[in-house]
Every structure is written in structure tokens, then in C-alpha cells.
Amino acid sequence: FKRNYKGDTAQLIFTEKHKDLLKKSEDWMKDTSGSCMIV
């Protein structure tokens, strides 16, 4: 839980840096689940 000079924890940086990847993974899961439902 140590903070850097900007006051950010590692967990906060992880959430910020992986925001786009999280959105892509959600869309990927939706597309995959939709395809599986059709099949």
C-alpha cells in the first residue's frame, strides 16, 4: 500500500493503466458469449 511521490498506490496505477484492456476484454467476452449462445 506504499504510495509514490504522486500519491498513487500500485493498485490505483494498475486500474488506470489497464482501463482500455479491461474494456476490450469485456467486449471480447460479450462477443464470445453471443457466438456461443447462437451455436
PDB file of all heavy atoms in Angstrom:
ATOM      1  N   PHE A   1       0.818  -1.213   0.000  1.00  0.00           N
ATOM      2  CA  PHE A   1       0.000   0.000   0.000  1.00  0.00           C
ATOM      3  C   PHE A   1       0.851   1.263   0.000  1.00  0.00           C
ATOM      4  O   PHE A   1       0.344   2.354   0.291  1.00  0.00           O
ATOM      5  CB  PHE A   1      -0.927  -0.005   1.224  1.00  0.00           C
ATOM      6  CG  PHE A   1      -1.723  -1.271   1.380  1.00  0.00           C
ATOM      7  CD1 PHE A   1      -1.320  -2.257   2.277  1.00  0.00           C
ATOM      8  CD2 PHE A   1      -2.843  -1.494   0.607  1.00  0.00           C
ATOM      9  CE1 PHE A   1      -2.054  -3.423   2.418  1.00  0.00           C
ATOM     10  CE2 PHE A   1      -3.575  -2.658   0.742  1.00  0.00           C
ATOM     11  CZ  PHE A   1      -3.176  -3.633   1.648  1.00  0.00           C
ATOM     12  N   LYS A   2       2.129   1.124  -0.313  1.00  0.00           N
ATOM     13  CA  LYS A   2       3.016   2.292  -0.329  1.00  0.00           C
ATOM     14  C   LYS A   2       2.672   3.188  -1.515  1.00  0.00           C
ATOM     15  O   LYS A   2       2.398   2.726  -2.607  1.00  0.00           O
ATOM     16  CB  LYS A   2       4.470   1.839  -0.393  1.00  0.00           C
ATOM     17  CG  LYS A   2       5.464   2.983  -0.293  1.00  0.00           C
ATOM     18  CD  LYS A   2       6.885   2.462  -0.237  1.00  0.00           C
ATOM     19  CE  LYS A   2       7.140   1.749   1.101  1.00  0.00           C
ATOM     20  NZ  LYS A   2       8.559   1.363   1.230  1.00  0.00           N
ATOM     21  N   ARG A   3       2.727   4.489  -1.285  1.00  0.00           N
ATOM     22  CA  ARG A   3       2.412   5.470  -2.323  1.00  0.00           C
ATOM     23  C   ARG A   3       3.696   6.104  -2.860  1.00  0.00           C
ATOM     24  O   ARG A   3       4.675   6.257  -2.122  1.00  0.00           O
ATOM     25  CB  ARG A   3       1.486   6.559  -1.771  1.00  0.00           C
ATOM     26  CG  ARG A   3       0.129   6.034  -1.307  1.00  0.00           C
ATOM     27  CD  ARG A   3      -0.719   7.154  -0.735  1.00  0.00           C
ATOM     28  NE  ARG A   3      -2.016   6.662  -0.279  1.00  0.00           N
ATOM     29  CZ  ARG A   3      -3.100   6.598  -1.041  1.00  0.00           C
ATOM     30  NH1 ARG A   3      -3.042   7.034  -2.310  1.00  0.00           N
ATOM     31  NH2 ARG A   3      -4.241   6.138  -0.566  1.00  0.00           N
ATOM     32  N   ASN A   4       3.678   6.469  -4.127  1.00  0.00           N
ATOM     33  CA  ASN A   4       4.811   7.167  -4.705  1.00  0.00           C
ATOM     34  C   ASN A   4       4.694   8.666  -4.453  1.00  0.00           C
ATOM     35  O   ASN A   4       3.831   9.116  -3.702  1.00  0.00           O
ATOM     36  CB  ASN A   4       4.921   6.863  -6.208  1.00  0.00           C
ATOM     37  CG  ASN A   4       3.644   7.240  -6.963  1.00  0.00           C
ATOM     38  OD1 ASN A   4       2.776   7.926  -6.431  1.00  0.00           O
ATOM     39  ND2 ASN A   4       3.536   6.772  -8.190  1.00  0.00           N
ATOM     40  N   TYR A   5       5.573   9.452  -5.104  1.00  0.00           N
ATOM     41  CA  TYR A   5       5.567  10.890  -4.873  1.00  0.00           C
ATOM     42  C   TYR A   5       4.257  11.544  -5.318  1.00  0.00           C
ATOM     43  O   TYR A   5       3.864  12.579  -4.786  1.00  0.00           O
ATOM     44  CB  TYR A   5       6.741  11.540  -5.601  1.00  0.00           C
ATOM     45  CG  TYR A   5       8.041  11.452  -4.836  1.00  0.00           C
ATOM     46  CD1 TYR A   5       9.258  11.734  -5.449  1.00  0.00           C
ATOM     47  CD2 TYR A   5       8.057  11.107  -3.496  1.00  0.00           C
ATOM     48  CE1 TYR A   5      10.453  11.661  -4.749  1.00  0.00           C
ATOM     49  CE2 TYR A   5       9.240  11.024  -2.791  1.00  0.00           C
ATOM     50  CZ  TYR A   5      10.433  11.307  -3.419  1.00  0.00           C
ATOM     51  OH  TYR A   5      11.600  11.235  -2.711  1.00  0.00           O
ATOM     52  N   LYS A   6       3.574  10.945  -6.288  1.00  0.00           N
ATOM     53  CA  LYS A   6       2.293  11.489  -6.745  1.00  0.00           C
ATOM     54  C   LYS A   6       1.125  11.052  -5.866  1.00  0.00           C
ATOM     55  O   LYS A   6      -0.009  11.475  -6.090  1.00  0.00           O
ATOM     56  CB  LYS A   6       2.030  11.044  -8.185  1.00  0.00           C
ATOM     57  CG  LYS A   6       3.022  11.610  -9.184  1.00  0.00           C
ATOM     58  CD  LYS A   6       2.657  11.170 -10.599  1.00  0.00           C
ATOM     59  CE  LYS A   6       3.637  11.743 -11.622  1.00  0.00           C
ATOM     60  NZ  LYS A   6       3.296  11.324 -12.998  1.00  0.00           N
ATOM     61  N   GLY A   7       1.403  10.200  -4.903  1.00  0.00           N
ATOM     62  CA  GLY A   7       0.361   9.740  -4.012  1.00  0.00           C
ATOM     63  C   GLY A   7      -0.440   8.565  -4.541  1.00  0.00           C
ATOM     64  O   GLY A   7      -1.524   8.268  -4.025  1.00  0.00           O
ATOM     65  N   ASP A   8       0.069   7.880  -5.569  1.00  0.00           N
ATOM     66  CA  ASP A   8      -0.649   6.768  -6.182  1.00  0.00           C
ATOM     67  C   ASP A   8      -0.134   5.441  -5.633  1.00  0.00           C
ATOM     68  O   ASP A   8       1.075   5.230  -5.514  1.00  0.00           O
ATOM     69  CB  ASP A   8      -0.475   6.779  -7.704  1.00  0.00           C
ATOM     70  CG  ASP A   8      -1.041   8.037  -8.338  1.00  0.00           C
ATOM     71  OD1 ASP A   8      -1.979   8.613  -7.736  1.00  0.00           O
ATOM     72  OD2 ASP A   8      -0.540   8.450  -9.403  1.00  0.00           O
ATOM     73  N   THR A   9      -1.048   4.573  -5.306  1.00  0.00           N
ATOM     74  CA  THR A   9      -0.679   3.208  -4.932  1.00  0.00           C
ATOM     75  C   THR A   9      -0.539   2.362  -6.188  1.00  0.00           C
ATOM     76  O   THR A   9      -0.951   2.748  -7.283  1.00  0.00           O
ATOM     77  CB  THR A   9      -1.740   2.601  -4.013  1.00  0.00           C
ATOM     78  OG1 THR A   9      -2.998   2.548  -4.715  1.00  0.00           O
ATOM     79  CG2 THR A   9      -1.897   3.426  -2.745  1.00  0.00           C
ATOM     80  N   ALA A  10       0.030   1.177  -6.016  1.00  0.00           N
ATOM     81  CA  ALA A  10       0.201   0.285  -7.166  1.00  0.00           C
ATOM     82  C   ALA A  10      -1.147  -0.176  -7.718  1.00  0.00           C
ATOM     83  O   ALA A  10      -1.327  -0.323  -8.930  1.00  0.00           O
ATOM     84  CB  ALA A  10       1.057  -0.917  -6.766  1.00  0.00           C
ATOM     85  N   GLN A  11      -2.106  -0.399  -6.833  1.00  0.00           N
ATOM     86  CA  GLN A  11      -3.441  -0.833  -7.263  1.00  0.00           C
ATOM     87  C   GLN A  11      -4.118   0.244  -8.101  1.00  0.00           C
ATOM     88  O   GLN A  11      -4.785  -0.058  -9.108  1.00  0.00           O
ATOM     89  CB  GLN A  11      -4.291  -1.160  -6.040  1.00  0.00           C
ATOM     90  CG  GLN A  11      -5.678  -1.692  -6.371  1.00  0.00           C
ATOM     91  CD  GLN A  11      -5.626  -3.031  -7.081  1.00  0.00           C
ATOM     92  OE1 GLN A  11      -4.927  -3.936  -6.643  1.00  0.00           O
ATOM     93  NE2 GLN A  11      -6.355  -3.156  -8.181  1.00  0.00           N
ATOM     94  N   LEU A  12      -3.945   1.503  -7.715  1.00  0.00           N
ATOM     95  CA  LEU A  12      -4.522   2.600  -8.475  1.00  0.00           C
ATOM     96  C   LEU A  12      -3.893   2.704  -9.863  1.00  0.00           C
ATOM     97  O   LEU A  12      -4.593   2.916 -10.870  1.00  0.00           O
ATOM     98  CB  LEU A  12      -4.351   3.916  -7.712  1.00  0.00           C
ATOM     99  CG  LEU A  12      -4.915   5.174  -8.379  1.00  0.00           C
ATOM    100  CD1 LEU A  12      -6.419   5.054  -8.541  1.00  0.00           C
ATOM    101  CD2 LEU A  12      -4.559   6.425  -7.565  1.00  0.00           C
ATOM    102  N   ILE A  13      -2.578   2.528  -9.931  1.00  0.00           N
ATOM    103  CA  ILE A  13      -1.898   2.578 -11.232  1.00  0.00           C
ATOM    104  C   ILE A  13      -2.329   1.412 -12.106  1.00  0.00           C
ATOM    105  O   ILE A  13      -2.531   1.564 -13.314  1.00  0.00           O
ATOM    106  CB  ILE A  13      -0.373   2.581 -11.019  1.00  0.00           C
ATOM    107  CG1 ILE A  13       0.062   3.873 -10.320  1.00  0.00           C
ATOM    108  CG2 ILE A  13       0.359   2.430 -12.351  1.00  0.00           C
ATOM    109  CD1 ILE A  13       1.539   3.944 -10.021  1.00  0.00           C
ATOM    110  N   PHE A  14      -2.482   0.242 -11.510  1.00  0.00           N
ATOM    111  CA  PHE A  14      -2.931  -0.929 -12.276  1.00  0.00           C
ATOM    112  C   PHE A  14      -4.318  -0.683 -12.874  1.00  0.00           C
ATOM    113  O   PHE A  14      -4.566  -0.998 -14.044  1.00  0.00           O
ATOM    114  CB  PHE A  14      -2.964  -2.152 -11.367  1.00  0.00           C
ATOM    115  CG  PHE A  14      -3.373  -3.412 -12.057  1.00  0.00           C
ATOM    116  CD1 PHE A  14      -2.426  -4.206 -12.701  1.00  0.00           C
ATOM    117  CD2 PHE A  14      -4.699  -3.821 -12.090  1.00  0.00           C
ATOM    118  CE1 PHE A  14      -2.799  -5.373 -13.351  1.00  0.00           C
ATOM    119  CE2 PHE A  14      -5.079  -4.980 -12.723  1.00  0.00           C
ATOM    120  CZ  PHE A  14      -4.132  -5.762 -13.364  1.00  0.00           C
ATOM    121  N   THR A  15      -5.215  -0.123 -12.098  1.00  0.00           N
ATOM    122  CA  THR A  15      -6.570   0.160 -12.595  1.00  0.00           C
ATOM    123  C   THR A  15      -6.542   1.177 -13.717  1.00  0.00           C
ATOM    124  O   THR A  15      -7.267   1.042 -14.716  1.00  0.00           O
ATOM    125  CB  THR A  15      -7.454   0.665 -11.440  1.00  0.00           C
ATOM    126  OG1 THR A  15      -7.443  -0.296 -10.384  1.00  0.00           O
ATOM    127  CG2 THR A  15      -8.875   0.878 -11.909  1.00  0.00           C
ATOM    128  N   GLU A  16      -5.696   2.196 -13.582  1.00  0.00           N
ATOM    129  CA  GLU A  16      -5.631   3.244 -14.591  1.00  0.00           C
ATOM    130  C   GLU A  16      -4.979   2.751 -15.881  1.00  0.00           C
ATOM    131  O   GLU A  16      -5.473   3.036 -16.979  1.00  0.00           O
ATOM    132  CB  GLU A  16      -4.848   4.436 -14.021  1.00  0.00           C
ATOM    133  CG  GLU A  16      -4.791   5.641 -14.944  1.00  0.00           C
ATOM    134  CD  GLU A  16      -6.143   6.297 -15.144  1.00  0.00           C
ATOM    135  OE1 GLU A  16      -7.015   6.138 -14.255  1.00  0.00           O
ATOM    136  OE2 GLU A  16      -6.329   6.954 -16.183  1.00  0.00           O
ATOM    137  N   LYS A  17      -3.898   2.005 -15.761  1.00  0.00           N
ATOM    138  CA  LYS A  17      -3.167   1.566 -16.947  1.00  0.00           C
ATOM    139  C   LYS A  17      -3.911   0.478 -17.717  1.00  0.00           C
ATOM    140  O   LYS A  17      -3.707   0.324 -18.926  1.00  0.00           O
ATOM    141  CB  LYS A  17      -1.789   1.048 -16.544  1.00  0.00           C
ATOM    142  CG  LYS A  17      -0.865   2.104 -15.959  1.00  0.00           C
ATOM    143  CD  LYS A  17      -0.501   3.157 -16.974  1.00  0.00           C
ATOM    144  CE  LYS A  17       0.493   4.164 -16.395  1.00  0.00           C
ATOM    145  NZ  LYS A  17       0.864   5.211 -17.385  1.00  0.00           N
ATOM    146  N   HIS A  18      -4.754  -0.287 -17.038  1.00  0.00           N
ATOM    147  CA  HIS A  18      -5.443  -1.400 -17.688  1.00  0.00           C
ATOM    148  C   HIS A  18      -6.901  -1.083 -17.992  1.00  0.00           C
ATOM    149  O   HIS A  18      -7.700  -1.994 -18.220  1.00  0.00           O
ATOM    150  CB  HIS A  18      -5.367  -2.650 -16.795  1.00  0.00           C
ATOM    151  CG  HIS A  18      -3.987  -3.205 -16.654  1.00  0.00           C
ATOM    152  ND1 HIS A  18      -3.050  -2.661 -15.818  1.00  0.00           N
ATOM    153  CD2 HIS A  18      -3.398  -4.266 -17.246  1.00  0.00           C
ATOM    154  CE1 HIS A  18      -1.929  -3.353 -15.896  1.00  0.00           C
ATOM    155  NE2 HIS A  18      -2.113  -4.336 -16.740  1.00  0.00           N
ATOM    156  N   LYS A  19      -7.238   0.189 -17.998  1.00  0.00           N
ATOM    157  CA  LYS A  19      -8.620   0.576 -18.264  1.00  0.00           C
ATOM    158  C   LYS A  19      -9.051   0.174 -19.670  1.00  0.00           C
ATOM    159  O   LYS A  19     -10.129  -0.399 -19.871  1.00  0.00           O
ATOM    160  CB  LYS A  19      -8.766   2.089 -18.076  1.00  0.00           C
ATOM    161  CG  LYS A  19     -10.196   2.595 -18.196  1.00  0.00           C
ATOM    162  CD  LYS A  19     -10.241   4.111 -18.056  1.00  0.00           C
ATOM    163  CE  LYS A  19      -9.693   4.545 -16.706  1.00  0.00           C
ATOM    164  NZ  LYS A  19      -9.790   6.025 -16.534  1.00  0.00           N
ATOM    165  N   ASP A  20      -8.214   0.451 -20.653  1.00  0.00           N
ATOM    166  CA  ASP A  20      -8.567   0.110 -22.042  1.00  0.00           C
ATOM    167  C   ASP A  20      -8.591  -1.405 -22.252  1.00  0.00           C
ATOM    168  O   ASP A  20      -9.464  -1.926 -22.955  1.00  0.00           O
ATOM    169  CB  ASP A  20      -7.575   0.753 -23.010  1.00  0.00           C
ATOM    170  CG  ASP A  20      -7.658   2.277 -22.991  1.00  0.00           C
ATOM    171  OD1 ASP A  20      -8.724   2.804 -22.594  1.00  0.00           O
ATOM    172  OD2 ASP A  20      -6.660   2.932 -23.345  1.00  0.00           O
ATOM    173  N   LEU A  21      -7.630  -2.101 -21.657  1.00  0.00           N
ATOM    174  CA  LEU A  21      -7.602  -3.556 -21.803  1.00  0.00           C
ATOM    175  C   LEU A  21      -8.822  -4.191 -21.140  1.00  0.00           C
ATOM    176  O   LEU A  21      -9.370  -5.169 -21.659  1.00  0.00           O
ATOM    177  CB  LEU A  21      -6.320  -4.111 -21.193  1.00  0.00           C
ATOM    178  CG  LEU A  21      -6.101  -5.626 -21.325  1.00  0.00           C
ATOM    179  CD1 LEU A  21      -6.042  -6.032 -22.790  1.00  0.00           C
ATOM    180  CD2 LEU A  21      -4.828  -6.054 -20.601  1.00  0.00           C
ATOM    181  N   LEU A  22      -9.281  -3.625 -20.032  1.00  0.00           N
ATOM    182  CA  LEU A  22     -10.479  -4.136 -19.372  1.00  0.00           C
ATOM    183  C   LEU A  22     -11.706  -3.946 -20.254  1.00  0.00           C
ATOM    184  O   LEU A  22     -12.560  -4.844 -20.349  1.00  0.00           O
ATOM    185  CB  LEU A  22     -10.666  -3.425 -18.029  1.00  0.00           C
ATOM    186  CG  LEU A  22     -11.891  -3.831 -17.208  1.00  0.00           C
ATOM    187  CD1 LEU A  22     -11.827  -5.310 -16.846  1.00  0.00           C
ATOM    188  CD2 LEU A  22     -12.006  -2.972 -15.953  1.00  0.00           C
ATOM    189  N   LYS A  23     -11.787  -2.795 -20.910  1.00  0.00           N
ATOM    190  CA  LYS A  23     -12.920  -2.559 -21.816  1.00  0.00           C
ATOM    191  C   LYS A  23     -12.890  -3.530 -22.989  1.00  0.00           C
ATOM    192  O   LYS A  23     -13.938  -4.090 -23.391  1.00  0.00           O
ATOM    193  CB  LYS A  23     -12.852  -1.110 -22.332  1.00  0.00           C
ATOM    194  CG  LYS A  23     -13.988  -0.714 -23.258  1.00  0.00           C
ATOM    195  CD  LYS A  23     -15.316  -0.723 -22.521  1.00  0.00           C
ATOM    196  CE  LYS A  23     -16.444  -0.124 -23.361  1.00  0.00           C
ATOM    197  NZ  LYS A  23     -16.632  -0.773 -24.650  1.00  0.00           N
ATOM    198  N   LYS A  24     -11.707  -3.765 -23.543  1.00  0.00           N
ATOM    199  CA  LYS A  24     -11.590  -4.709 -24.654  1.00  0.00           C
ATOM    200  C   LYS A  24     -11.938  -6.133 -24.213  1.00  0.00           C
ATOM    201  O   LYS A  24     -12.563  -6.884 -24.970  1.00  0.00           O
ATOM    202  CB  LYS A  24     -10.171  -4.677 -25.213  1.00  0.00           C
ATOM    203  CG  LYS A  24      -9.811  -3.376 -25.922  1.00  0.00           C
ATOM    204  CD  LYS A  24      -8.383  -3.419 -26.442  1.00  0.00           C
ATOM    205  CE  LYS A  24      -8.003  -2.114 -27.137  1.00  0.00           C
ATOM    206  NZ  LYS A  24      -6.601  -2.136 -27.621  1.00  0.00           N
ATOM    207  N   SER A  25     -11.529  -6.484 -23.015  1.00  0.00           N
ATOM    208  CA  SER A  25     -11.831  -7.839 -22.527  1.00  0.00           C
ATOM    209  C   SER A  25     -13.326  -8.015 -22.302  1.00  0.00           C
ATOM    210  O   SER A  25     -13.882  -9.095 -22.564  1.00  0.00           O
ATOM    211  CB  SER A  25     -11.068  -8.109 -21.230  1.00  0.00           C
ATOM    212  OG  SER A  25     -11.466  -7.202 -20.210  1.00  0.00           O
ATOM    213  N   GLU A  26     -14.010  -6.965 -21.828  1.00  0.00           N
ATOM    214  CA  GLU A  26     -15.461  -7.045 -21.655  1.00  0.00           C
ATOM    215  C   GLU A  26     -16.168  -7.224 -22.995  1.00  0.00           C
ATOM    216  O   GLU A  26     -17.092  -8.040 -23.117  1.00  0.00           O
ATOM    217  CB  GLU A  26     -15.966  -5.788 -20.950  1.00  0.00           C
ATOM    218  CG  GLU A  26     -15.533  -5.688 -19.487  1.00  0.00           C
ATOM    219  CD  GLU A  26     -15.978  -4.379 -18.855  1.00  0.00           C
ATOM    220  OE1 GLU A  26     -16.479  -3.503 -19.611  1.00  0.00           O
ATOM    221  OE2 GLU A  26     -15.828  -4.229 -17.628  1.00  0.00           O
ATOM    222  N   ASP A  27     -15.740  -6.439 -24.001  1.00  0.00           N
ATOM    223  CA  ASP A  27     -16.338  -6.578 -25.332  1.00  0.00           C
ATOM    224  C   ASP A  27     -16.044  -7.956 -25.915  1.00  0.00           C
ATOM    225  O   ASP A  27     -16.911  -8.557 -26.576  1.00  0.00           O
ATOM    226  CB  ASP A  27     -15.803  -5.484 -26.261  1.00  0.00           C
ATOM    227  CG  ASP A  27     -16.212  -4.095 -25.798  1.00  0.00           C
ATOM    228  OD1 ASP A  27     -17.205  -3.990 -25.047  1.00  0.00           O
ATOM    229  OD2 ASP A  27     -15.531  -3.110 -26.172  1.00  0.00           O
ATOM    230  N   TRP A  28     -14.840  -8.440 -25.672  1.00  0.00           N
ATOM    231  CA  TRP A  28     -14.471  -9.763 -26.186  1.00  0.00           C
ATOM    232  C   TRP A  28     -15.321 -10.853 -25.543  1.00  0.00           C
ATOM    233  O   TRP A  28     -15.767 -11.788 -26.208  1.00  0.00           O
ATOM    234  CB  TRP A  28     -12.988 -10.013 -25.916  1.00  0.00           C
ATOM    235  CG  TRP A  28     -12.463 -11.301 -26.463  1.00  0.00           C
ATOM    236  CD1 TRP A  28     -12.047 -11.546 -27.741  1.00  0.00           C
ATOM    237  CD2 TRP A  28     -12.286 -12.534 -25.739  1.00  0.00           C
ATOM    238  NE1 TRP A  28     -11.616 -12.845 -27.872  1.00  0.00           N
ATOM    239  CE2 TRP A  28     -11.760 -13.479 -26.656  1.00  0.00           C
ATOM    240  CE3 TRP A  28     -12.519 -12.915 -24.425  1.00  0.00           C
ATOM    241  CZ2 TRP A  28     -11.461 -14.774 -26.273  1.00  0.00           C
ATOM    242  CZ3 TRP A  28     -12.221 -14.215 -24.059  1.00  0.00           C
ATOM    243  CH2 TRP A  28     -11.706 -15.130 -24.972  1.00  0.00           C
ATOM    244  N   MET A  29     -15.563 -10.731 -24.251  1.00  0.00           N
ATOM    245  CA  MET A  29     -16.400 -11.712 -23.565  1.00  0.00           C
ATOM    246  C   MET A  29     -17.841 -11.664 -24.060  1.00  0.00           C
ATOM    247  O   MET A  29     -18.489 -12.700 -24.236  1.00  0.00           O
ATOM    248  CB  MET A  29     -16.357 -11.456 -22.059  1.00  0.00           C
ATOM    249  CG  MET A  29     -15.037 -11.820 -21.405  1.00  0.00           C
ATOM    250  SD  MET A  29     -14.719 -13.590 -21.443  1.00  0.00           S
ATOM    251  CE  MET A  29     -15.987 -14.171 -20.332  1.00  0.00           C
ATOM    252  N   LYS A  30     -18.355 -10.457 -24.316  1.00  0.00           N
ATOM    253  CA  LYS A  30     -19.717 -10.333 -24.823  1.00  0.00           C
ATOM    254  C   LYS A  30     -19.840 -10.966 -26.207  1.00  0.00           C
ATOM    255  O   LYS A  30     -20.802 -11.693 -26.493  1.00  0.00           O
ATOM    256  CB  LYS A  30     -20.125  -8.865 -24.871  1.00  0.00           C
ATOM    257  CG  LYS A  30     -20.309  -8.232 -23.500  1.00  0.00           C
ATOM    258  CD  LYS A  30     -20.686  -6.765 -23.627  1.00  0.00           C
ATOM    259  CE  LYS A  30     -20.857  -6.125 -22.253  1.00  0.00           C
ATOM    260  NZ  LYS A  30     -21.194  -4.672 -22.340  1.00  0.00           N
ATOM    261  N   ASP A  31     -18.891 -10.674 -27.081  1.00  0.00           N
ATOM    262  CA  ASP A  31     -18.931 -11.247 -28.431  1.00  0.00           C
ATOM    263  C   ASP A  31     -18.804 -12.767 -28.388  1.00  0.00           C
ATOM    264  O   ASP A  31     -19.509 -13.484 -29.110  1.00  0.00           O
ATOM    265  CB  ASP A  31     -17.817 -10.645 -29.288  1.00  0.00           C
ATOM    266  CG  ASP A  31     -18.001  -9.154 -29.519  1.00  0.00           C
ATOM    267  OD1 ASP A  31     -19.151  -8.676 -29.359  1.00  0.00           O
ATOM    268  OD2 ASP A  31     -17.004  -8.473 -29.820  1.00  0.00           O
ATOM    269  N   THR A  32     -17.910 -13.242 -27.538  1.00  0.00           N
ATOM    270  CA  THR A  32     -17.720 -14.689 -27.447  1.00  0.00           C
ATOM    271  C   THR A  32     -18.960 -15.382 -26.874  1.00  0.00           C
ATOM    272  O   THR A  32     -19.385 -16.427 -27.373  1.00  0.00           O
ATOM    273  CB  THR A  32     -16.498 -15.002 -26.560  1.00  0.00           C
ATOM    274  OG1 THR A  32     -15.345 -14.337 -27.081  1.00  0.00           O
ATOM    275  CG2 THR A  32     -16.230 -16.499 -26.512  1.00  0.00           C
ATOM    276  N   SER A  33     -19.544 -14.781 -25.838  1.00  0.00           N
ATOM    277  CA  SER A  33     -20.745 -15.382 -25.250  1.00  0.00           C
ATOM    278  C   SER A  33     -21.912 -15.346 -26.222  1.00  0.00           C
ATOM    279  O   SER A  33     -22.711 -16.292 -26.294  1.00  0.00           O
ATOM    280  CB  SER A  33     -21.109 -14.653 -23.962  1.00  0.00           C
ATOM    281  OG  SER A  33     -21.390 -13.285 -24.216  1.00  0.00           O
ATOM    282  N   GLY A  34     -22.028 -14.263 -27.013  1.00  0.00           N
ATOM    283  CA  GLY A  34     -23.087 -14.201 -28.020  1.00  0.00           C
ATOM    284  C   GLY A  34     -22.930 -15.264 -29.078  1.00  0.00           C
ATOM    285  O   GLY A  34     -23.910 -15.916 -29.487  1.00  0.00           O
ATOM    286  N   SER A  35     -21.712 -15.465 -29.518  1.00  0.00           N
ATOM    287  CA  SER A  35     -21.464 -16.509 -30.525  1.00  0.00           C
ATOM    288  C   SER A  35     -21.761 -17.890 -29.957  1.00  0.00           C
ATOM    289  O   SER A  35     -22.340 -18.741 -30.642  1.00  0.00           O
ATOM    290  CB  SER A  35     -20.011 -16.435 -31.006  1.00  0.00           C
ATOM    291  OG  SER A  35     -19.734 -15.164 -31.558  1.00  0.00           O
ATOM    292  N   CYS A  36     -21.407 -18.105 -28.706  1.00  0.00           N
ATOM    293  CA  CYS A  36     -21.677 -19.404 -28.080  1.00  0.00           C
ATOM    294  C   CYS A  36     -23.175 -19.646 -27.911  1.00  0.00           C
ATOM    295  O   CYS A  36     -23.654 -20.779 -28.069  1.00  0.00           O
ATOM    296  CB  CYS A  36     -20.979 -19.480 -26.724  1.00  0.00           C
ATOM    297  SG  CYS A  36     -19.175 -19.519 -26.811  1.00  0.00           S
ATOM    298  N   MET A  37     -23.941 -18.574 -27.616  1.00  0.00           N
ATOM    299  CA  MET A  37     -25.390 -18.722 -27.479  1.00  0.00           C
ATOM    300  C   MET A  37     -26.033 -19.091 -28.803  1.00  0.00           C
ATOM    301  O   MET A  37     -26.956 -19.916 -28.856  1.00  0.00           O
ATOM    302  CB  MET A  37     -25.998 -17.424 -26.933  1.00  0.00           C
ATOM    303  CG  MET A  37     -25.677 -17.146 -25.469  1.00  0.00           C
ATOM    304  SD  MET A  37     -26.399 -15.611 -24.884  1.00  0.00           S
ATOM    305  CE  MET A  37     -28.132 -15.988 -25.067  1.00  0.00           C
ATOM    306  N   ILE A  38     -25.561 -18.486 -29.899  1.00  0.00           N
ATOM    307  CA  ILE A  38     -26.119 -18.810 -31.221  1.00  0.00           C
ATOM    308  C   ILE A  38     -25.835 -20.264 -31.572  1.00  0.00           C
ATOM    309  O   ILE A  38     -26.719 -21.012 -32.020  1.00  0.00           O
ATOM    310  CB  ILE A  38     -25.528 -17.859 -32.276  1.00  0.00           C
ATOM    311  CG1 ILE A  38     -26.016 -16.431 -32.019  1.00  0.00           C
ATOM    312  CG2 ILE A  38     -25.927 -18.314 -33.681  1.00  0.00           C
ATOM    313  CD1 ILE A  38     -25.386 -15.402 -32.938  1.00  0.00           C
ATOM    314  N   VAL A  39     -24.604 -20.696 -31.360  1.00  0.00           N
ATOM    315  CA  VAL A  39     -24.237 -22.083 -31.657  1.00  0.00           C
ATOM    316  C   VAL A  39     -25.017 -23.042 -30.765  1.00  0.00           C
ATOM    317  O   VAL A  39     -25.509 -24.096 -31.218  1.00  0.00           O
ATOM    318  CB  VAL A  39     -22.721 -22.280 -31.485  1.00  0.00           C
ATOM    319  CG1 VAL A  39     -22.356 -23.745 -31.649  1.00  0.00           C
ATOM    320  CG2 VAL A  39     -21.959 -21.427 -32.477  1.00  0.00           C
TER     321      VAL A  39
END
